Amino acid sequence: MGQKRPLFYLPGGTKVLIAIATGLAVMARLKAAHQQLKEVATALSTTPEEVVAAASDLLAKNEVLKKQLKAATKALMAQQAAQVLASGQ
């Protein structure tokens, strides 16, 4: 049996694939760093009052999401309990 070749075979095979993967990882890190810089620039141009309002809004949304998650968890547990009881286990 011969060796499997990558879709694009190039001399140096594995080294080329590692270089491509490394390049993609570097690009992903650069994009993330760029996004962080944009967020910092936005934060620097934001007034303290706007930051407090945004934080309060996030906290309120977090509380709503926690309540929804708790309700969904209880409903799922009740459904699972009903299935167990129905199966006679």
PDB file of N, CA and C in Angstrom:
ATOM      1  N   MET A   1       0.828  -1.176   0.000  1.00  0.00           N
ATOM      2  CA  MET A   1       0.000   0.000   0.000  1.00  0.00           C
ATOM      3  C   MET A   1       0.880   1.250   0.000  1.00  0.00           C
ATOM      4  N   GLY A   2       0.528   2.189  -0.836  1.00  0.00           N
ATOM      5  CA  GLY A   2       1.281   3.431  -0.895  1.00  0.00           C
ATOM      6  C   GLY A   2       0.800   4.417   0.160  1.00  0.00           C
ATOM      7  N   GLN A   3       1.597   5.447   0.342  1.00  0.00           N
ATOM      8  CA  GLN A   3       1.221   6.480   1.305  1.00  0.00           C
ATOM      9  C   GLN A   3       0.108   7.343   0.720  1.00  0.00           C
ATOM     10  N   LYS A   4      -0.762   7.785   1.607  1.00  0.00           N
ATOM     11  CA  LYS A   4      -1.786   8.714   1.161  1.00  0.00           C
ATOM     12  C   LYS A   4      -1.149  10.079   0.996  1.00  0.00           C
ATOM     13  N   ARG A   5      -1.501  10.741  -0.076  1.00  0.00           N
ATOM     14  CA  ARG A   5      -0.973  12.074  -0.306  1.00  0.00           C
ATOM     15  C   ARG A   5      -2.056  13.090   0.005  1.00  0.00           C
ATOM     16  N   PRO A   6      -1.646  14.255   0.497  1.00  0.00           N
ATOM     17  CA  PRO A   6      -2.644  15.294   0.732  1.00  0.00           C
ATOM     18  C   PRO A   6      -3.293  15.709  -0.580  1.00  0.00           C
ATOM     19  N   LEU A   7      -4.406  16.400  -0.486  1.00  0.00           N
ATOM     20  CA  LEU A   7      -5.134  16.831  -1.668  1.00  0.00           C
ATOM     21  C   LEU A   7      -4.210  17.578  -2.631  1.00  0.00           C
ATOM     22  N   PHE A   8      -3.389  18.450  -2.088  1.00  0.00           N
ATOM     23  CA  PHE A   8      -2.421  19.174  -2.902  1.00  0.00           C
ATOM     24  C   PHE A   8      -1.042  18.655  -2.545  1.00  0.00           C
ATOM     25  N   TYR A   9      -0.480  17.890  -3.412  1.00  0.00           N
ATOM     26  CA  TYR A   9       0.844  17.355  -3.119  1.00  0.00           C
ATOM     27  C   TYR A   9       1.902  18.346  -3.573  1.00  0.00           C
ATOM     28  N   LEU A  10       2.765  18.688  -2.651  1.00  0.00           N
ATOM     29  CA  LEU A  10       3.881  19.577  -2.955  1.00  0.00           C
ATOM     30  C   LEU A  10       5.148  18.931  -2.436  1.00  0.00           C
ATOM     31  N   PRO A  11       6.275  19.181  -3.086  1.00  0.00           N
ATOM     32  CA  PRO A  11       7.526  18.663  -2.532  1.00  0.00           C
ATOM     33  C   PRO A  11       7.700  19.189  -1.112  1.00  0.00           C
ATOM     34  N   GLY A  12       8.105  18.366  -0.221  1.00  0.00           N
ATOM     35  CA  GLY A  12       8.264  18.772   1.174  1.00  0.00           C
ATOM     36  C   GLY A  12       7.020  18.436   1.975  1.00  0.00           C
ATOM     37  N   GLY A  13       5.989  17.931   1.310  1.00  0.00           N
ATOM     38  CA  GLY A  13       4.746  17.454   1.878  1.00  0.00           C
ATOM     39  C   GLY A  13       4.352  17.977   3.244  1.00  0.00           C
ATOM     40  N   THR A  14       4.743  17.256   4.287  1.00  0.00           N
ATOM     41  CA  THR A  14       4.332  17.570   5.647  1.00  0.00           C
ATOM     42  C   THR A  14       4.786  18.958   6.056  1.00  0.00           C
ATOM     43  N   LYS A  15       5.999  19.321   5.670  1.00  0.00           N
ATOM     44  CA  LYS A  15       6.502  20.647   6.037  1.00  0.00           C
ATOM     45  C   LYS A  15       5.628  21.746   5.450  1.00  0.00           C
ATOM     46  N   VAL A  16       5.168  21.550   4.230  1.00  0.00           N
ATOM     47  CA  VAL A  16       4.306  22.539   3.587  1.00  0.00           C
ATOM     48  C   VAL A  16       2.976  22.621   4.319  1.00  0.00           C
ATOM     49  N   LEU A  17       2.389  21.475   4.659  1.00  0.00           N
ATOM     50  CA  LEU A  17       1.120  21.456   5.369  1.00  0.00           C
ATOM     51  C   LEU A  17       1.255  22.106   6.748  1.00  0.00           C
ATOM     52  N   ILE A  18       2.360  21.843   7.441  1.00  0.00           N
ATOM     53  CA  ILE A  18       2.591  22.470   8.748  1.00  0.00           C
ATOM     54  C   ILE A  18       2.728  23.977   8.583  1.00  0.00           C
ATOM     55  N   ALA A  19       3.421  24.409   7.560  1.00  0.00           N
ATOM     56  CA  ALA A  19       3.586  25.841   7.312  1.00  0.00           C
ATOM     57  C   ALA A  19       2.240  26.500   7.026  1.00  0.00           C
ATOM     58  N   ILE A  20       1.388  25.818   6.256  1.00  0.00           N
ATOM     59  CA  ILE A  20       0.061  26.363   5.957  1.00  0.00           C
ATOM     60  C   ILE A  20      -0.756  26.458   7.232  1.00  0.00           C
ATOM     61  N   ALA A  21      -0.761  25.401   8.034  1.00  0.00           N
ATOM     62  CA  ALA A  21      -1.525  25.399   9.279  1.00  0.00           C
ATOM     63  C   ALA A  21      -1.014  26.481  10.221  1.00  0.00           C
ATOM     64  N   THR A  22       0.298  26.633  10.293  1.00  0.00           N
ATOM     65  CA  THR A  22       0.885  27.674  11.144  1.00  0.00           C
ATOM     66  C   THR A  22       0.480  29.050  10.643  1.00  0.00           C
ATOM     67  N   GLY A  23       0.498  29.238   9.341  1.00  0.00           N
ATOM     68  CA  GLY A  23       0.095  30.517   8.766  1.00  0.00           C
ATOM     69  C   GLY A  23      -1.356  30.837   9.066  1.00  0.00           C
ATOM     70  N   LEU A  24      -2.220  29.834   8.978  1.00  0.00           N
ATOM     71  CA  LEU A  24      -3.635  30.043   9.295  1.00  0.00           C
ATOM     72  C   LEU A  24      -3.819  30.398  10.762  1.00  0.00           C
ATOM     73  N   ALA A  25      -3.069  29.730  11.636  1.00  0.00           N
ATOM     74  CA  ALA A  25      -3.164  30.029  13.069  1.00  0.00           C
ATOM     75  C   ALA A  25      -2.696  31.450  13.355  1.00  0.00           C
ATOM     76  N   VAL A  26      -1.634  31.862  12.698  1.00  0.00           N
ATOM     77  CA  VAL A  26      -1.129  33.232  12.880  1.00  0.00           C
ATOM     78  C   VAL A  26      -2.156  34.238  12.386  1.00  0.00           C
ATOM     79  N   MET A  27      -2.779  33.955  11.250  1.00  0.00           N
ATOM     80  CA  MET A  27      -3.812  34.857  10.724  1.00  0.00           C
ATOM     81  C   MET A  27      -4.982  34.977  11.702  1.00  0.00           C
ATOM     82  N   ALA A  28      -5.373  33.864  12.298  1.00  0.00           N
ATOM     83  CA  ALA A  28      -6.472  33.890  13.271  1.00  0.00           C
ATOM     84  C   ALA A  28      -6.100  34.737  14.476  1.00  0.00           C
ATOM     85  N   ARG A  29      -4.850  34.604  14.948  1.00  0.00           N
ATOM     86  CA  ARG A  29      -4.401  35.417  16.101  1.00  0.00           C
ATOM     87  C   ARG A  29      -4.346  36.891  15.734  1.00  0.00           C
ATOM     88  N   LEU A  30      -3.914  37.197  14.517  1.00  0.00           N
ATOM     89  CA  LEU A  30      -3.863  38.588  14.079  1.00  0.00           C
ATOM     90  C   LEU A  30      -5.264  39.189  13.994  1.00  0.00           C
ATOM     91  N   LYS A  31      -6.222  38.410  13.482  1.00  0.00           N
ATOM     92  CA  LYS A  31      -7.605  38.896  13.411  1.00  0.00           C
ATOM     93  C   LYS A  31      -8.149  39.152  14.810  1.00  0.00           C
ATOM     94  N   ALA A  32      -7.864  38.257  15.748  1.00  0.00           N
ATOM     95  CA  ALA A  32      -8.330  38.428  17.126  1.00  0.00           C
ATOM     96  C   ALA A  32      -7.699  39.666  17.754  1.00  0.00           C
ATOM     97  N   ALA A  33      -6.409  39.869  17.514  1.00  0.00           N
ATOM     98  CA  ALA A  33      -5.732  41.047  18.053  1.00  0.00           C
ATOM     99  C   ALA A  33      -6.306  42.322  17.448  1.00  0.00           C
ATOM    100  N   HIS A  34      -6.618  42.282  16.168  1.00  0.00           N
ATOM    101  CA  HIS A  34      -7.215  43.440  15.502  1.00  0.00           C
ATOM    102  C   HIS A  34      -8.570  43.766  16.120  1.00  0.00           C
ATOM    103  N   GLN A  35      -9.363  42.738  16.385  1.00  0.00           N
ATOM    104  CA  GLN A  35     -10.671  42.944  17.011  1.00  0.00           C
ATOM    105  C   GLN A  35     -10.507  43.538  18.408  1.00  0.00           C
ATOM    106  N   GLN A  36      -9.524  43.063  19.158  1.00  0.00           N
ATOM    107  CA  GLN A  36      -9.278  43.598  20.499  1.00  0.00           C
ATOM    108  C   GLN A  36      -8.879  45.066  20.422  1.00  0.00           C
ATOM    109  N   LEU A  37      -8.054  45.414  19.449  1.00  0.00           N
ATOM    110  CA  LEU A  37      -7.654  46.808  19.294  1.00  0.00           C
ATOM    111  C   LEU A  37      -8.854  47.690  18.973  1.00  0.00           C
ATOM    112  N   LYS A  38      -9.746  47.185  18.116  1.00  0.00           N
ATOM    113  CA  LYS A  38     -10.949  47.952  17.795  1.00  0.00           C
ATOM    114  C   LYS A  38     -11.807  48.154  19.042  1.00  0.00           C
ATOM    115  N   GLU A  39     -11.922  47.113  19.872  1.00  0.00           N
ATOM    116  CA  GLU A  39     -12.711  47.215  21.093  1.00  0.00           C
ATOM    117  C   GLU A  39     -12.099  48.217  22.072  1.00  0.00           C
ATOM    118  N   VAL A  40     -10.780  48.201  22.185  1.00  0.00           N
ATOM    119  CA  VAL A  40     -10.104  49.151  23.070  1.00  0.00           C
ATOM    120  C   VAL A  40     -10.309  50.573  22.571  1.00  0.00           C
ATOM    121  N   ALA A  41     -10.164  50.775  21.266  1.00  0.00           N
ATOM    122  CA  ALA A  41     -10.360  52.111  20.695  1.00  0.00           C
ATOM    123  C   ALA A  41     -11.781  52.592  20.942  1.00  0.00           C
ATOM    124  N   THR A  42     -12.738  51.705  20.800  1.00  0.00           N
ATOM    125  CA  THR A  42     -14.133  52.062  21.050  1.00  0.00           C
ATOM    126  C   THR A  42     -14.329  52.412  22.519  1.00  0.00           C
ATOM    127  N   ALA A  43     -13.737  51.612  23.401  1.00  0.00           N
ATOM    128  CA  ALA A  43     -13.874  51.863  24.839  1.00  0.00           C
ATOM    129  C   ALA A  43     -13.247  53.199  25.228  1.00  0.00           C
ATOM    130  N   LEU A  44     -12.147  53.549  24.598  1.00  0.00           N
ATOM    131  CA  LEU A  44     -11.480  54.808  24.932  1.00  0.00           C
ATOM    132  C   LEU A  44     -12.306  56.020  24.518  1.00  0.00           C
ATOM    133  N   SER A  45     -13.142  55.846  23.502  1.00  0.00           N
ATOM    134  CA  SER A  45     -13.945  56.975  23.042  1.00  0.00           C
ATOM    135  C   SER A  45     -15.338  56.971  23.675  1.00  0.00           C
ATOM    136  N   THR A  46     -15.521  56.121  24.678  1.00  0.00           N
ATOM    137  CA  THR A  46     -16.814  56.001  25.354  1.00  0.00           C
ATOM    138  C   THR A  46     -16.756  56.738  26.684  1.00  0.00           C
ATOM    139  N   THR A  47     -17.828  57.449  26.992  1.00  0.00           N
ATOM    140  CA  THR A  47     -17.871  58.170  28.273  1.00  0.00           C
ATOM    141  C   THR A  47     -18.127  57.182  29.408  1.00  0.00           C
ATOM    142  N   PRO A  48     -17.722  57.533  30.631  1.00  0.00           N
ATOM    143  CA  PRO A  48     -17.965  56.647  31.770  1.00  0.00           C
ATOM    144  C   PRO A  48     -19.454  56.330  31.951  1.00  0.00           C
ATOM    145  N   GLU A  49     -20.303  57.312  31.679  1.00  0.00           N
ATOM    146  CA  GLU A  49     -21.745  57.080  31.827  1.00  0.00           C
ATOM    147  C   GLU A  49     -22.226  56.013  30.852  1.00  0.00           C
ATOM    148  N   GLU A  50     -21.688  56.042  29.619  1.00  0.00           N
ATOM    149  CA  GLU A  50     -22.068  55.045  28.617  1.00  0.00           C
ATOM    150  C   GLU A  50     -21.577  53.653  29.024  1.00  0.00           C
ATOM    151  N   VAL A  51     -20.387  53.601  29.632  1.00  0.00           N
ATOM    152  CA  VAL A  51     -19.843  52.319  30.084  1.00  0.00           C
ATOM    153  C   VAL A  51     -20.720  51.749  31.191  1.00  0.00           C
ATOM    154  N   VAL A  52     -21.125  52.599  32.136  1.00  0.00           N
ATOM    155  CA  VAL A  52     -21.973  52.145  33.238  1.00  0.00           C
ATOM    156  C   VAL A  52     -23.322  51.670  32.696  1.00  0.00           C
ATOM    157  N   ALA A  53     -23.891  52.411  31.758  1.00  0.00           N
ATOM    158  CA  ALA A  53     -25.173  52.025  31.177  1.00  0.00           C
ATOM    159  C   ALA A  53     -25.051  50.685  30.443  1.00  0.00           C
ATOM    160  N   ALA A  54     -23.977  50.511  29.690  1.00  0.00           N
ATOM    161  CA  ALA A  54     -23.770  49.258  28.960  1.00  0.00           C
ATOM    162  C   ALA A  54     -23.579  48.093  29.927  1.00  0.00           C
ATOM    163  N   ALA A  55     -22.827  48.329  30.998  1.00  0.00           N
ATOM    164  CA  ALA A  55     -22.604  47.275  31.997  1.00  0.00           C
ATOM    165  C   ALA A  55     -23.918  46.902  32.680  1.00  0.00           C
ATOM    166  N   SER A  56     -24.718  47.895  33.002  1.00  0.00           N
ATOM    167  CA  SER A  56     -26.015  47.626  33.635  1.00  0.00           C
ATOM    168  C   SER A  56     -26.914  46.829  32.701  1.00  0.00           C
ATOM    169  N   ASP A  57     -26.886  47.188  31.424  1.00  0.00           N
ATOM    170  CA  ASP A  57     -27.681  46.475  30.431  1.00  0.00           C
ATOM    171  C   ASP A  57     -27.234  45.017  30.333  1.00  0.00           C
ATOM    172  N   LEU A  58     -25.912  44.780  30.319  1.00  0.00           N
ATOM    173  CA  LEU A  58     -25.396  43.417  30.251  1.00  0.00           C
ATOM    174  C   LEU A  58     -25.784  42.615  31.483  1.00  0.00           C
ATOM    175  N   LEU A  59     -25.732  43.241  32.658  1.00  0.00           N
ATOM    176  CA  LEU A  59     -26.114  42.544  33.884  1.00  0.00           C
ATOM    177  C   LEU A  59     -27.592  42.156  33.849  1.00  0.00           C
ATOM    178  N   ALA A  60     -28.435  43.057  33.369  1.00  0.00           N
ATOM    179  CA  ALA A  60     -29.864  42.768  33.275  1.00  0.00           C
ATOM    180  C   ALA A  60     -30.116  41.612  32.303  1.00  0.00           C
ATOM    181  N   LYS A  61     -29.436  41.643  31.150  1.00  0.00           N
ATOM    182  CA  LYS A  61     -29.592  40.564  30.170  1.00  0.00           C
ATOM    183  C   LYS A  61     -29.097  39.243  30.753  1.00  0.00           C
ATOM    184  N   ASN A  62     -28.013  39.302  31.523  1.00  0.00           N
ATOM    185  CA  ASN A  62     -27.457  38.111  32.153  1.00  0.00           C
ATOM    186  C   ASN A  62     -28.475  37.501  33.114  1.00  0.00           C
ATOM    187  N   GLU A  63     -29.144  38.336  33.904  1.00  0.00           N
ATOM    188  CA  GLU A  63     -30.148  37.842  34.844  1.00  0.00           C
ATOM    189  C   GLU A  63     -31.310  37.183  34.105  1.00  0.00           C
ATOM    190  N   VAL A  64     -31.753  37.802  33.013  1.00  0.00           N
ATOM    191  CA  VAL A  64     -32.846  37.228  32.226  1.00  0.00           C
ATOM    192  C   VAL A  64     -32.418  35.869  31.667  1.00  0.00           C
ATOM    193  N   LEU A  65     -31.204  35.797  31.125  1.00  0.00           N
ATOM    194  CA  LEU A  65     -30.719  34.541  30.557  1.00  0.00           C
ATOM    195  C   LEU A  65     -30.590  33.465  31.635  1.00  0.00           C
ATOM    196  N   LYS A  66     -30.137  33.843  32.839  1.00  0.00           N
ATOM    197  CA  LYS A  66     -30.033  32.877  33.931  1.00  0.00           C
ATOM    198  C   LYS A  66     -31.406  32.303  34.275  1.00  0.00           C
ATOM    199  N   LYS A  67     -32.420  33.171  34.335  1.00  0.00           N
ATOM    200  CA  LYS A  67     -33.772  32.713  34.654  1.00  0.00           C
ATOM    201  C   LYS A  67     -34.296  31.783  33.561  1.00  0.00           C
ATOM    202  N   GLN A  68     -34.040  32.139  32.297  1.00  0.00           N
ATOM    203  CA  GLN A  68     -34.483  31.287  31.191  1.00  0.00           C
ATOM    204  C   GLN A  68     -33.790  29.926  31.236  1.00  0.00           C
ATOM    205  N   LEU A  69     -32.488  29.926  31.529  1.00  0.00           N
ATOM    206  CA  LEU A  69     -31.745  28.681  31.612  1.00  0.00           C
ATOM    207  C   LEU A  69     -32.268  27.818  32.755  1.00  0.00           C
ATOM    208  N   LYS A  70     -32.543  28.433  33.896  1.00  0.00           N
ATOM    209  CA  LYS A  70     -33.058  27.701  35.040  1.00  0.00           C
ATOM    210  C   LYS A  70     -34.411  27.075  34.704  1.00  0.00           C
ATOM    211  N   ALA A  71     -35.296  27.841  34.061  1.00  0.00           N
ATOM    212  CA  ALA A  71     -36.614  27.324  33.682  1.00  0.00           C
ATOM    213  C   ALA A  71     -36.490  26.183  32.671  1.00  0.00           C
ATOM    214  N   ALA A  72     -35.596  26.336  31.700  1.00  0.00           N
ATOM    215  CA  ALA A  72     -35.399  25.291  30.693  1.00  0.00           C
ATOM    216  C   ALA A  72     -34.837  24.028  31.332  1.00  0.00           C
ATOM    217  N   THR A  73     -33.939  24.186  32.287  1.00  0.00           N
ATOM    218  CA  THR A  73     -33.356  23.035  32.978  1.00  0.00           C
ATOM    219  C   THR A  73     -34.423  22.294  33.771  1.00  0.00           C
ATOM    220  N   LYS A  74     -35.264  23.047  34.488  1.00  0.00           N
ATOM    221  CA  LYS A  74     -36.337  22.419  35.259  1.00  0.00           C
ATOM    222  C   LYS A  74     -37.297  21.678  34.332  1.00  0.00           C
ATOM    223  N   ALA A  75     -37.648  22.283  33.211  1.00  0.00           N
ATOM    224  CA  ALA A  75     -38.565  21.643  32.263  1.00  0.00           C
ATOM    225  C   ALA A  75     -37.957  20.361  31.709  1.00  0.00           C
ATOM    226  N   LEU A  76     -36.668  20.388  31.395  1.00  0.00           N
ATOM    227  CA  LEU A  76     -35.994  19.201  30.870  1.00  0.00           C
ATOM    228  C   LEU A  76     -35.960  18.100  31.920  1.00  0.00           C
ATOM    229  N   MET A  77     -35.655  18.461  33.151  1.00  0.00           N
ATOM    230  CA  MET A  77     -35.615  17.471  34.224  1.00  0.00           C
ATOM    231  C   MET A  77     -36.998  16.850  34.433  1.00  0.00           C
ATOM    232  N   ALA A  78     -38.044  17.679  34.385  1.00  0.00           N
ATOM    233  CA  ALA A  78     -39.403  17.173  34.545  1.00  0.00           C
ATOM    234  C   ALA A  78     -39.758  16.230  33.397  1.00  0.00           C
ATOM    235  N   GLN A  79     -39.352  16.578  32.198  1.00  0.00           N
ATOM    236  CA  GLN A  79     -39.626  15.735  31.028  1.00  0.00           C
ATOM    237  C   GLN A  79     -38.912  14.392  31.163  1.00  0.00           C
ATOM    238  N   GLN A  80     -37.668  14.431  31.594  1.00  0.00           N
ATOM    239  CA  GLN A  80     -36.909  13.197  31.760  1.00  0.00           C
ATOM    240  C   GLN A  80     -37.510  12.325  32.860  1.00  0.00           C
ATOM    241  N   ALA A  81     -37.944  12.962  33.956  1.00  0.00           N
ATOM    242  CA  ALA A  81     -38.574  12.210  35.040  1.00  0.00           C
ATOM    243  C   ALA A  81     -39.866  11.562  34.552  1.00  0.00           C
ATOM    244  N   ALA A  82     -40.645  12.289  33.770  1.00  0.00           N
ATOM    245  CA  ALA A  82     -41.891  11.730  33.240  1.00  0.00           C
ATOM    246  C   ALA A  82     -41.614  10.548  32.328  1.00  0.00           C
ATOM    247  N   GLN A  83     -40.560  10.624  31.536  1.00  0.00           N
ATOM    248  CA  GLN A  83     -40.207   9.507  30.639  1.00  0.00           C
ATOM    249  C   GLN A  83     -39.788   8.282  31.447  1.00  0.00           C
ATOM    250  N   VAL A  84     -39.048   8.513  32.529  1.00  0.00           N
ATOM    251  CA  VAL A  84     -38.615   7.387  33.369  1.00  0.00           C
ATOM    252  C   VAL A  84     -39.832   6.740  34.020  1.00  0.00           C
ATOM    253  N   LEU A  85     -40.738   7.571  34.546  1.00  0.00           N
ATOM    254  CA  LEU A  85     -41.951   7.030  35.183  1.00  0.00           C
ATOM    255  C   LEU A  85     -42.814   6.280  34.168  1.00  0.00           C
ATOM    256  N   ALA A  86     -42.919   6.812  32.968  1.00  0.00           N
ATOM    257  CA  ALA A  86     -43.738   6.180  31.934  1.00  0.00           C
ATOM    258  C   ALA A  86     -43.145   4.845  31.501  1.00  0.00           C
ATOM    259  N   SER A  87     -41.843   4.732  31.545  1.00  0.00           N
ATOM    260  CA  SER A  87     -41.215   3.483  31.117  1.00  0.00           C
ATOM    261  C   SER A  87     -41.265   2.426  32.214  1.00  0.00           C
ATOM    262  N   GLY A  88     -41.658   2.825  33.440  1.00  0.00           N
ATOM    263  CA  GLY A  88     -41.805   1.877  34.540  1.00  0.00           C
ATOM    264  C   GLY A  88     -40.503   1.536  35.226  1.00  0.00           C
ATOM    265  N   GLN A  89     -39.469   2.334  35.028  1.00  0.00           N
ATOM    266  CA  GLN A  89     -38.179   2.052  35.686  1.00  0.00           C
ATOM    267  C   GLN A  89     -38.150   2.650  37.067  1.00  0.00           C
TER     268      GLN A  89
END
